[in-house]
């Protein structure tokens, strides 16, 4: 039985990943701060860690892990610390990365950001933007770790369990006839469903793909703001109120990364079959609209 460690794993796609691992017979441990309760009972082992206290990570080296998933590494400092702890104690390390490592642009392939050549630097205050923190984390892992590292790069992840409620924001605004601020309705975006995210992570762990390194993951197809708004109108029966300027609270949470999309061709060539984003997004928006009516 393979031993798997998941850093994070009590909510959203991390929780779905843990459930898949349990259902498929793995010996699973989760490492969290112990704040968010989980519903896994005695089906897994629990370790209490705090990334702000690197000493708490040392317990992870008391065992040898076949797979480690790190869903909660956001800075190069944290990447350096996990390398120190897991060297000689892990066979495969999967670091959850992001579309935000890329600059503006459409249909990004993995080579558009090269972590192997990205200069490593550490901020004494450990303060980084989300995208820069992930870029530097990739750089530290790929340039200095002695164990195999894979970095799936995900776009915005959506699902009925999305605690950030980013898609629900749009449904609620349309249903309540409230303004949404969107700078460009024609902008294209890529997304991935939370269950598909978990399935992709699981697949990376068990598959013998050709190489380590970065790998993009997104559902098939691009979606524009126009399409999202039209689906919200169809599901709610209301007409959207769209503006290009307005108060911050009315700005679409998708706008920040609506200037870049991913290509998933590498992952498809390795054998993963993605769903169609239009199919599940329509169902998800309809699900949210039903909640609004109740």
C-alpha atoms as a PDB file:
ATOM      1  CA  UNK A   1       0.000   0.000   0.000  1.00  0.00           C
ATOM      2  CA  UNK A   2       1.495   3.331  -1.066  1.00  0.00           C
ATOM      3  CA  UNK A   3       1.949   6.012   1.571  1.00  0.00           C
ATOM      4  CA  UNK A   4       0.694   9.432   0.507  1.00  0.00           C
ATOM      5  CA  UNK A   5       0.998  12.757   2.300  1.00  0.00           C
ATOM      6  CA  UNK A   6      -1.250  15.703   1.421  1.00  0.00           C
ATOM      7  CA  UNK A   7      -0.268  19.125   2.757  1.00  0.00           C
ATOM      8  CA  UNK A   8      -3.663  20.740   2.977  1.00  0.00           C
ATOM      9  CA  UNK A   9      -6.618  18.515   2.242  1.00  0.00           C
ATOM     10  CA  UNK A  10      -9.560  19.636   4.338  1.00  0.00           C
ATOM     11  CA  UNK A  11     -11.403  21.770   1.797  1.00  0.00           C
ATOM     12  CA  UNK A  12     -12.133  22.290  -1.903  1.00  0.00           C
ATOM     13  CA  UNK A  13     -10.149  20.184  -4.393  1.00  0.00           C
ATOM     14  CA  UNK A  14      -7.683  19.084  -1.689  1.00  0.00           C
ATOM     15  CA  UNK A  15     -10.528  17.415   0.157  1.00  0.00           C
ATOM     16  CA  UNK A  16     -11.697  15.758  -3.051  1.00  0.00           C
ATOM     17  CA  UNK A  17      -8.169  14.489  -3.716  1.00  0.00           C
ATOM     18  CA  UNK A  18      -7.942  12.957  -0.248  1.00  0.00           C
ATOM     19  CA  UNK A  19     -11.280  11.183  -0.740  1.00  0.00           C
ATOM     20  CA  UNK A  20     -10.121   9.731  -4.060  1.00  0.00           C
ATOM     21  CA  UNK A  21      -6.916   8.453  -2.476  1.00  0.00           C
ATOM     22  CA  UNK A  22      -8.825   6.835   0.386  1.00  0.00           C
ATOM     23  CA  UNK A  23     -11.387   5.259  -1.962  1.00  0.00           C
ATOM     24  CA  UNK A  24      -8.572   3.762  -4.045  1.00  0.00           C
ATOM     25  CA  UNK A  25      -6.804   2.136  -1.148  1.00  0.00           C
ATOM     26  CA  UNK A  26      -3.879   4.421  -0.317  1.00  0.00           C
ATOM     27  CA  UNK A  27      -2.424   4.930   3.159  1.00  0.00           C
ATOM     28  CA  UNK A  28      -3.211   8.650   3.470  1.00  0.00           C
ATOM     29  CA  UNK A  29      -1.957  11.300   5.879  1.00  0.00           C
ATOM     30  CA  UNK A  30      -2.916  14.952   5.840  1.00  0.00           C
ATOM     31  CA  UNK A  31      -0.794  17.752   7.277  1.00  0.00           C
ATOM     32  CA  UNK A  32      -2.669  20.911   8.267  1.00  0.00           C
ATOM     33  CA  UNK A  33      -2.819  23.494  11.017  1.00  0.00           C
ATOM     34  CA  UNK A  34      -5.654  21.493  12.545  1.00  0.00           C
ATOM     35  CA  UNK A  35      -8.081  24.394  12.307  1.00  0.00           C
ATOM     36  CA  UNK A  36     -10.508  23.146   9.653  1.00  0.00           C
ATOM     37  CA  UNK A  37     -12.307  19.972  10.655  1.00  0.00           C
ATOM     38  CA  UNK A  38     -12.604  17.087   8.213  1.00  0.00           C
ATOM     39  CA  UNK A  39     -15.096  14.259   7.821  1.00  0.00           C
ATOM     40  CA  UNK A  40     -12.668  11.407   7.103  1.00  0.00           C
ATOM     41  CA  UNK A  41     -12.859   9.844  10.558  1.00  0.00           C
ATOM     42  CA  UNK A  42     -10.344   7.057  11.107  1.00  0.00           C
ATOM     43  CA  UNK A  43      -9.683   6.597   7.376  1.00  0.00           C
ATOM     44  CA  UNK A  44      -6.469   8.646   7.478  1.00  0.00           C
ATOM     45  CA  UNK A  45      -3.691   9.953   9.702  1.00  0.00           C
ATOM     46  CA  UNK A  46      -3.439  13.589  10.780  1.00  0.00           C
ATOM     47  CA  UNK A  47      -0.329  15.674  11.337  1.00  0.00           C
ATOM     48  CA  UNK A  48      -0.384  19.215  12.720  1.00  0.00           C
ATOM     49  CA  UNK A  49       1.983  21.628  10.974  1.00  0.00           C
ATOM     50  CA  UNK A  50       2.304  25.376  10.585  1.00  0.00           C
ATOM     51  CA  UNK A  51       4.291  26.787   7.645  1.00  0.00           C
ATOM     52  CA  UNK A  52       5.069  29.829   9.809  1.00  0.00           C
ATOM     53  CA  UNK A  53       6.847  27.476  12.220  1.00  0.00           C
ATOM     54  CA  UNK A  54       9.320  25.426  10.138  1.00  0.00           C
ATOM     55  CA  UNK A  55      10.196  23.306  13.185  1.00  0.00           C
ATOM     56  CA  UNK A  56       6.727  21.743  12.960  1.00  0.00           C
ATOM     57  CA  UNK A  57       7.613  20.346   9.521  1.00  0.00           C
ATOM     58  CA  UNK A  58      10.385  18.114  10.851  1.00  0.00           C
ATOM     59  CA  UNK A  59       7.915  15.397  11.848  1.00  0.00           C
ATOM     60  CA  UNK A  60       7.275  14.801   8.132  1.00  0.00           C
ATOM     61  CA  UNK A  61      10.739  13.261   7.852  1.00  0.00           C
ATOM     62  CA  UNK A  62       9.857  10.540  10.375  1.00  0.00           C
ATOM     63  CA  UNK A  63       8.328   8.501   7.531  1.00  0.00           C
ATOM     64  CA  UNK A  64       9.071   7.725   3.891  1.00  0.00           C
ATOM     65  CA  UNK A  65       6.417   8.866   1.419  1.00  0.00           C
ATOM     66  CA  UNK A  66       5.688   7.456  -2.023  1.00  0.00           C
ATOM     67  CA  UNK A  67       3.833  10.641  -3.030  1.00  0.00           C
ATOM     68  CA  UNK A  68       3.642  14.064  -1.408  1.00  0.00           C
ATOM     69  CA  UNK A  69       1.111  16.645  -2.598  1.00  0.00           C
ATOM     70  CA  UNK A  70       1.801  20.220  -1.499  1.00  0.00           C
ATOM     71  CA  UNK A  71      -1.305  22.355  -1.987  1.00  0.00           C
ATOM     72  CA  UNK A  72      -0.289  25.037   0.523  1.00  0.00           C
ATOM     73  CA  UNK A  73       3.165  26.226  -0.555  1.00  0.00           C
ATOM     74  CA  UNK A  74       3.077  29.875  -1.620  1.00  0.00           C
ATOM     75  CA  UNK A  75       6.621  31.231  -1.138  1.00  0.00           C
ATOM     76  CA  UNK A  76      10.210  30.247  -1.964  1.00  0.00           C
ATOM     77  CA  UNK A  77      10.933  30.163   1.753  1.00  0.00           C
ATOM     78  CA  UNK A  78       8.299  27.478   2.222  1.00  0.00           C
ATOM     79  CA  UNK A  79       9.628  25.574  -0.792  1.00  0.00           C
ATOM     80  CA  UNK A  80      13.168  25.633   0.625  1.00  0.00           C
ATOM     81  CA  UNK A  81      11.932  24.397   4.005  1.00  0.00           C
ATOM     82  CA  UNK A  82       9.933  21.479   2.573  1.00  0.00           C
ATOM     83  CA  UNK A  83      12.949  20.408   0.494  1.00  0.00           C
ATOM     84  CA  UNK A  84      15.108  20.320   3.623  1.00  0.00           C
ATOM     85  CA  UNK A  85      12.556  18.155   5.409  1.00  0.00           C
ATOM     86  CA  UNK A  86      11.708  15.712   2.611  1.00  0.00           C
ATOM     87  CA  UNK A  87      15.100  15.087   0.997  1.00  0.00           C
ATOM     88  CA  UNK A  88      15.625  11.280   1.097  1.00  0.00           C
ATOM     89  CA  UNK A  89      12.046  10.858   2.360  1.00  0.00           C
ATOM     90  CA  UNK A  90       9.889  11.151  -0.794  1.00  0.00           C
ATOM     91  CA  UNK A  91       9.695   9.397  -4.164  1.00  0.00           C
ATOM     92  CA  UNK A  92       7.510  11.936  -6.008  1.00  0.00           C
ATOM     93  CA  UNK A  93       6.600  15.509  -5.026  1.00  0.00           C
ATOM     94  CA  UNK A  94       3.626  17.258  -6.629  1.00  0.00           C
ATOM     95  CA  UNK A  95       3.476  21.018  -6.135  1.00  0.00           C
ATOM     96  CA  UNK A  96       0.199  22.777  -6.933  1.00  0.00           C
ATOM     97  CA  UNK A  97       1.042  25.786  -9.107  1.00  0.00           C
ATOM     98  CA  UNK A  98      -1.004  28.261 -11.101  1.00  0.00           C
ATOM     99  CA  UNK A  99      -1.803  30.099 -14.307  1.00  0.00           C
ATOM    100  CA  UNK A 100      -0.558  33.210 -12.489  1.00  0.00           C
ATOM    101  CA  UNK A 101       3.086  32.245 -13.144  1.00  0.00           C
ATOM    102  CA  UNK A 102       2.570  33.369 -16.766  1.00  0.00           C
ATOM    103  CA  UNK A 103       2.539  36.899 -18.122  1.00  0.00           C
ATOM    104  CA  UNK A 104      -0.458  38.187 -20.063  1.00  0.00           C
ATOM    105  CA  UNK A 105      -1.252  36.171 -23.168  1.00  0.00           C
ATOM    106  CA  UNK A 106      -3.423  33.397 -24.567  1.00  0.00           C
ATOM    107  CA  UNK A 107      -2.885  29.668 -24.969  1.00  0.00           C
ATOM    108  CA  UNK A 108       0.218  29.512 -22.775  1.00  0.00           C
ATOM    109  CA  UNK A 109       2.376  26.416 -23.080  1.00  0.00           C
ATOM    110  CA  UNK A 110       4.629  25.231 -20.271  1.00  0.00           C
ATOM    111  CA  UNK A 111       7.774  26.708 -21.828  1.00  0.00           C
ATOM    112  CA  UNK A 112       6.356  30.226 -21.553  1.00  0.00           C
ATOM    113  CA  UNK A 113       7.618  30.293 -17.961  1.00  0.00           C
ATOM    114  CA  UNK A 114      10.895  28.475 -17.304  1.00  0.00           C
ATOM    115  CA  UNK A 115      11.419  27.882 -13.560  1.00  0.00           C
ATOM    116  CA  UNK A 116      14.776  26.195 -14.202  1.00  0.00           C
ATOM    117  CA  UNK A 117      16.260  29.531 -15.256  1.00  0.00           C
ATOM    118  CA  UNK A 118      14.258  31.902 -13.048  1.00  0.00           C
ATOM    119  CA  UNK A 119      16.513  33.770 -10.563  1.00  0.00           C
ATOM    120  CA  UNK A 120      15.901  32.662  -6.984  1.00  0.00           C
ATOM    121  CA  UNK A 121      15.560  35.373  -4.367  1.00  0.00           C
ATOM    122  CA  UNK A 122      14.217  35.416  -0.845  1.00  0.00           C
ATOM    123  CA  UNK A 123      12.395  38.254   0.878  1.00  0.00           C
ATOM    124  CA  UNK A 124      13.313  38.526   4.560  1.00  0.00           C
ATOM    125  CA  UNK A 125       9.730  39.486   5.368  1.00  0.00           C
ATOM    126  CA  UNK A 126       8.421  36.545   3.279  1.00  0.00           C
ATOM    127  CA  UNK A 127       6.062  38.887   1.425  1.00  0.00           C
ATOM    128  CA  UNK A 128       5.272  38.096  -2.212  1.00  0.00           C
ATOM    129  CA  UNK A 129       2.385  38.545  -4.599  1.00  0.00           C
ATOM    130  CA  UNK A 130       0.539  35.305  -5.335  1.00  0.00           C
ATOM    131  CA  UNK A 131       2.010  34.911  -8.823  1.00  0.00           C
ATOM    132  CA  UNK A 132       5.571  35.811  -7.832  1.00  0.00           C
ATOM    133  CA  UNK A 133       5.428  33.529  -4.812  1.00  0.00           C
ATOM    134  CA  UNK A 134       4.447  30.619  -7.015  1.00  0.00           C
ATOM    135  CA  UNK A 135       7.086  31.463  -9.651  1.00  0.00           C
ATOM    136  CA  UNK A 136       9.813  31.524  -7.022  1.00  0.00           C
ATOM    137  CA  UNK A 137       8.499  28.368  -5.360  1.00  0.00           C
ATOM    138  CA  UNK A 138       8.732  26.546  -8.679  1.00  0.00           C
ATOM    139  CA  UNK A 139      12.249  27.912  -9.189  1.00  0.00           C
ATOM    140  CA  UNK A 140      13.429  26.686  -5.793  1.00  0.00           C
ATOM    141  CA  UNK A 141      11.863  23.254  -6.226  1.00  0.00           C
ATOM    142  CA  UNK A 142      13.079  22.598  -9.757  1.00  0.00           C
ATOM    143  CA  UNK A 143      16.544  24.053  -9.281  1.00  0.00           C
ATOM    144  CA  UNK A 144      17.432  22.694  -5.850  1.00  0.00           C
ATOM    145  CA  UNK A 145      15.349  19.609  -4.962  1.00  0.00           C
ATOM    146  CA  UNK A 146      17.067  16.236  -5.387  1.00  0.00           C
ATOM    147  CA  UNK A 147      13.741  14.380  -5.614  1.00  0.00           C
ATOM    148  CA  UNK A 148      11.386  14.347  -8.646  1.00  0.00           C
ATOM    149  CA  UNK A 149       9.036  17.349  -8.771  1.00  0.00           C
ATOM    150  CA  UNK A 150       5.926  17.880 -10.897  1.00  0.00           C
ATOM    151  CA  UNK A 151       4.120  21.234 -10.893  1.00  0.00           C
ATOM    152  CA  UNK A 152       0.573  21.189 -12.283  1.00  0.00           C
ATOM    153  CA  UNK A 153      -0.422  24.713 -13.272  1.00  0.00           C
ATOM    154  CA  UNK A 154      -4.139  25.313 -12.796  1.00  0.00           C
ATOM    155  CA  UNK A 155      -6.343  28.216 -13.882  1.00  0.00           C
ATOM    156  CA  UNK A 156      -9.286  29.347 -11.724  1.00  0.00           C
ATOM    157  CA  UNK A 157     -10.786  26.243 -10.102  1.00  0.00           C
ATOM    158  CA  UNK A 158     -14.572  26.215  -9.769  1.00  0.00           C
ATOM    159  CA  UNK A 159     -17.127  23.958  -8.130  1.00  0.00           C
ATOM    160  CA  UNK A 160     -20.106  23.931  -5.815  1.00  0.00           C
ATOM    161  CA  UNK A 161     -17.571  23.598  -2.978  1.00  0.00           C
ATOM    162  CA  UNK A 162     -15.585  26.725  -3.952  1.00  0.00           C
ATOM    163  CA  UNK A 163     -15.288  28.606  -0.666  1.00  0.00           C
ATOM    164  CA  UNK A 164     -14.263  31.796  -2.541  1.00  0.00           C
ATOM    165  CA  UNK A 165     -17.681  31.836  -4.294  1.00  0.00           C
ATOM    166  CA  UNK A 166     -16.240  33.415  -7.445  1.00  0.00           C
ATOM    167  CA  UNK A 167     -18.752  32.015  -9.920  1.00  0.00           C
ATOM    168  CA  UNK A 168     -21.579  32.344  -7.413  1.00  0.00           C
ATOM    169  CA  UNK A 169     -20.762  36.074  -7.276  1.00  0.00           C
ATOM    170  CA  UNK A 170     -21.934  36.437 -10.885  1.00  0.00           C
ATOM    171  CA  UNK A 171     -25.078  34.372 -10.404  1.00  0.00           C
ATOM    172  CA  UNK A 172     -26.076  36.339  -7.314  1.00  0.00           C
ATOM    173  CA  UNK A 173     -25.463  39.693  -8.957  1.00  0.00           C
ATOM    174  CA  UNK A 174     -27.570  38.816 -11.986  1.00  0.00           C
ATOM    175  CA  UNK A 175     -30.330  37.210  -9.896  1.00  0.00           C
ATOM    176  CA  UNK A 176     -30.507  40.278  -7.646  1.00  0.00           C
ATOM    177  CA  UNK A 177     -30.324  42.755 -10.562  1.00  0.00           C
ATOM    178  CA  UNK A 178     -27.083  44.206  -9.208  1.00  0.00           C
ATOM    179  CA  UNK A 179     -24.233  45.742 -11.196  1.00  0.00           C
ATOM    180  CA  UNK A 180     -21.204  43.690 -12.255  1.00  0.00           C
ATOM    181  CA  UNK A 181     -18.070  45.551 -13.342  1.00  0.00           C
ATOM    182  CA  UNK A 182     -16.255  43.790 -16.217  1.00  0.00           C
ATOM    183  CA  UNK A 183     -13.568  45.597 -18.196  1.00  0.00           C
ATOM    184  CA  UNK A 184     -13.943  43.573 -21.415  1.00  0.00           C
ATOM    185  CA  UNK A 185     -16.827  41.186 -22.062  1.00  0.00           C
ATOM    186  CA  UNK A 186     -14.950  39.489 -24.904  1.00  0.00           C
ATOM    187  CA  UNK A 187     -11.976  38.326 -22.847  1.00  0.00           C
ATOM    188  CA  UNK A 188     -11.267  34.602 -22.990  1.00  0.00           C
ATOM    189  CA  UNK A 189     -10.582  32.476 -19.902  1.00  0.00           C
ATOM    190  CA  UNK A 190      -9.763  28.868 -19.077  1.00  0.00           C
ATOM    191  CA  UNK A 191     -11.160  27.075 -16.036  1.00  0.00           C
ATOM    192  CA  UNK A 192     -11.150  23.664 -14.393  1.00  0.00           C
ATOM    193  CA  UNK A 193     -13.732  21.904 -12.243  1.00  0.00           C
ATOM    194  CA  UNK A 194     -12.727  21.051  -8.649  1.00  0.00           C
ATOM    195  CA  UNK A 195     -13.361  17.329  -9.076  1.00  0.00           C
ATOM    196  CA  UNK A 196     -11.370  17.292 -12.312  1.00  0.00           C
ATOM    197  CA  UNK A 197      -8.566  19.114 -10.495  1.00  0.00           C
ATOM    198  CA  UNK A 198      -8.493  16.380  -7.855  1.00  0.00           C
ATOM    199  CA  UNK A 199      -8.607  13.668 -10.516  1.00  0.00           C
ATOM    200  CA  UNK A 200      -5.705  15.286 -12.365  1.00  0.00           C
ATOM    201  CA  UNK A 201      -3.635  15.456  -9.182  1.00  0.00           C
ATOM    202  CA  UNK A 202      -4.404  11.816  -8.474  1.00  0.00           C
ATOM    203  CA  UNK A 203      -3.444  10.882 -12.039  1.00  0.00           C
ATOM    204  CA  UNK A 204      -0.113  12.689 -11.727  1.00  0.00           C
ATOM    205  CA  UNK A 205       0.629  10.709  -8.605  1.00  0.00           C
ATOM    206  CA  UNK A 206      -0.023   7.264 -10.043  1.00  0.00           C
ATOM    207  CA  UNK A 207       0.873   7.705 -13.718  1.00  0.00           C
ATOM    208  CA  UNK A 208       4.288   7.142 -15.229  1.00  0.00           C
ATOM    209  CA  UNK A 209       4.300  10.252 -17.382  1.00  0.00           C
ATOM    210  CA  UNK A 210       7.324  10.878 -19.592  1.00  0.00           C
ATOM    211  CA  UNK A 211       8.898  13.674 -17.604  1.00  0.00           C
ATOM    212  CA  UNK A 212       8.853  15.722 -14.440  1.00  0.00           C
ATOM    213  CA  UNK A 213       8.478  19.499 -14.565  1.00  0.00           C
ATOM    214  CA  UNK A 214       5.575  21.918 -15.105  1.00  0.00           C
ATOM    215  CA  UNK A 215       2.346  20.703 -16.706  1.00  0.00           C
ATOM    216  CA  UNK A 216      -0.762  22.758 -17.495  1.00  0.00           C
ATOM    217  CA  UNK A 217      -4.208  21.493 -16.579  1.00  0.00           C
ATOM    218  CA  UNK A 218      -7.518  23.031 -17.633  1.00  0.00           C
ATOM    219  CA  UNK A 219     -10.843  21.838 -18.959  1.00  0.00           C
ATOM    220  CA  UNK A 220     -11.229  21.920 -22.743  1.00  0.00           C
ATOM    221  CA  UNK A 221     -12.424  25.153 -24.341  1.00  0.00           C
ATOM    222  CA  UNK A 222     -12.173  28.849 -23.568  1.00  0.00           C
ATOM    223  CA  UNK A 223     -15.055  30.802 -22.045  1.00  0.00           C
ATOM    224  CA  UNK A 224     -15.690  34.535 -22.351  1.00  0.00           C
ATOM    225  CA  UNK A 225     -17.375  36.899 -19.924  1.00  0.00           C
ATOM    226  CA  UNK A 226     -20.160  37.187 -22.488  1.00  0.00           C
ATOM    227  CA  UNK A 227     -20.832  33.461 -22.227  1.00  0.00           C
ATOM    228  CA  UNK A 228     -20.763  33.450 -18.407  1.00  0.00           C
ATOM    229  CA  UNK A 229     -23.200  36.355 -18.242  1.00  0.00           C
ATOM    230  CA  UNK A 230     -25.523  34.783 -20.825  1.00  0.00           C
ATOM    231  CA  UNK A 231     -25.580  31.519 -18.845  1.00  0.00           C
ATOM    232  CA  UNK A 232     -26.390  33.452 -15.670  1.00  0.00           C
ATOM    233  CA  UNK A 233     -29.220  35.286 -17.456  1.00  0.00           C
ATOM    234  CA  UNK A 234     -30.589  32.022 -18.836  1.00  0.00           C
ATOM    235  CA  UNK A 235     -30.459  30.305 -15.451  1.00  0.00           C
ATOM    236  CA  UNK A 236     -31.942  33.180 -13.419  1.00  0.00           C
ATOM    237  CA  UNK A 237     -34.353  34.665 -15.946  1.00  0.00           C
ATOM    238  CA  UNK A 238     -32.944  38.119 -15.237  1.00  0.00           C
ATOM    239  CA  UNK A 239     -31.061  40.616 -17.405  1.00  0.00           C
ATOM    240  CA  UNK A 240     -27.510  41.357 -16.277  1.00  0.00           C
ATOM    241  CA  UNK A 241     -26.404  44.904 -15.476  1.00  0.00           C
ATOM    242  CA  UNK A 242     -22.845  45.246 -16.788  1.00  0.00           C
ATOM    243  CA  UNK A 243     -20.549  48.282 -16.415  1.00  0.00           C
ATOM    244  CA  UNK A 244     -16.904  48.829 -17.310  1.00  0.00           C
ATOM    245  CA  UNK A 245     -16.310  50.984 -14.234  1.00  0.00           C
ATOM    246  CA  UNK A 246     -17.700  50.972 -10.725  1.00  0.00           C
ATOM    247  CA  UNK A 247     -17.066  50.217  -7.037  1.00  0.00           C
ATOM    248  CA  UNK A 248     -14.494  47.542  -6.184  1.00  0.00           C
ATOM    249  CA  UNK A 249     -17.112  45.338  -4.540  1.00  0.00           C
ATOM    250  CA  UNK A 250     -18.856  45.012  -7.904  1.00  0.00           C
ATOM    251  CA  UNK A 251     -15.776  43.979  -9.904  1.00  0.00           C
ATOM    252  CA  UNK A 252     -15.776  40.460 -11.296  1.00  0.00           C
ATOM    253  CA  UNK A 253     -13.311  38.257  -9.364  1.00  0.00           C
ATOM    254  CA  UNK A 254     -12.333  36.692 -12.701  1.00  0.00           C
ATOM    255  CA  UNK A 255     -11.004  39.957 -14.130  1.00  0.00           C
ATOM    256  CA  UNK A 256      -7.576  39.609 -12.510  1.00  0.00           C
ATOM    257  CA  UNK A 257      -6.603  36.637 -14.708  1.00  0.00           C
ATOM    258  CA  UNK A 258      -8.855  37.163 -17.719  1.00  0.00           C
ATOM    259  CA  UNK A 259      -5.878  38.254 -19.798  1.00  0.00           C
ATOM    260  CA  UNK A 260      -4.273  34.805 -20.007  1.00  0.00           C
ATOM    261  CA  UNK A 261      -5.312  31.234 -20.859  1.00  0.00           C
ATOM    262  CA  UNK A 262      -3.689  27.805 -20.803  1.00  0.00           C
ATOM    263  CA  UNK A 263      -2.967  25.130 -23.381  1.00  0.00           C
ATOM    264  CA  UNK A 264      -3.567  21.622 -22.017  1.00  0.00           C
ATOM    265  CA  UNK A 265      -2.010  19.823 -25.000  1.00  0.00           C
ATOM    266  CA  UNK A 266       0.955  18.431 -23.059  1.00  0.00           C
ATOM    267  CA  UNK A 267      -1.283  16.756 -20.480  1.00  0.00           C
ATOM    268  CA  UNK A 268      -3.557  15.364 -23.197  1.00  0.00           C
ATOM    269  CA  UNK A 269      -0.583  13.903 -25.029  1.00  0.00           C
ATOM    270  CA  UNK A 270       0.465  12.234 -21.774  1.00  0.00           C
ATOM    271  CA  UNK A 271      -2.954  10.572 -21.658  1.00  0.00           C
ATOM    272  CA  UNK A 272      -5.266  12.660 -19.476  1.00  0.00           C
ATOM    273  CA  UNK A 273      -8.756  13.287 -20.859  1.00  0.00           C
ATOM    274  CA  UNK A 274     -10.267  16.614 -19.843  1.00  0.00           C
ATOM    275  CA  UNK A 275     -13.954  17.484 -19.728  1.00  0.00           C
ATOM    276  CA  UNK A 276     -15.532  20.349 -21.661  1.00  0.00           C
ATOM    277  CA  UNK A 277     -15.683  23.522 -19.583  1.00  0.00           C
ATOM    278  CA  UNK A 278     -18.914  24.703 -21.210  1.00  0.00           C
ATOM    279  CA  UNK A 279     -20.755  21.560 -20.131  1.00  0.00           C
ATOM    280  CA  UNK A 280     -19.957  21.609 -16.442  1.00  0.00           C
ATOM    281  CA  UNK A 281     -20.112  25.398 -16.113  1.00  0.00           C
ATOM    282  CA  UNK A 282     -23.653  25.498 -17.454  1.00  0.00           C
ATOM    283  CA  UNK A 283     -24.677  22.831 -14.929  1.00  0.00           C
ATOM    284  CA  UNK A 284     -22.889  24.626 -12.091  1.00  0.00           C
ATOM    285  CA  UNK A 285     -24.494  27.990 -12.856  1.00  0.00           C
ATOM    286  CA  UNK A 286     -27.912  26.324 -13.000  1.00  0.00           C
ATOM    287  CA  UNK A 287     -27.188  24.659  -9.629  1.00  0.00           C
ATOM    288  CA  UNK A 288     -26.293  28.019  -8.087  1.00  0.00           C
ATOM    289  CA  UNK A 289     -29.398  29.635  -9.574  1.00  0.00           C
ATOM    290  CA  UNK A 290     -31.623  27.040  -7.920  1.00  0.00           C
ATOM    291  CA  UNK A 291     -30.067  27.915  -4.566  1.00  0.00           C
ATOM    292  CA  UNK A 292     -30.930  31.566  -5.223  1.00  0.00           C
ATOM    293  CA  UNK A 293     -34.603  30.683  -5.711  1.00  0.00           C
ATOM    294  CA  UNK A 294     -34.866  28.740  -2.448  1.00  0.00           C
END
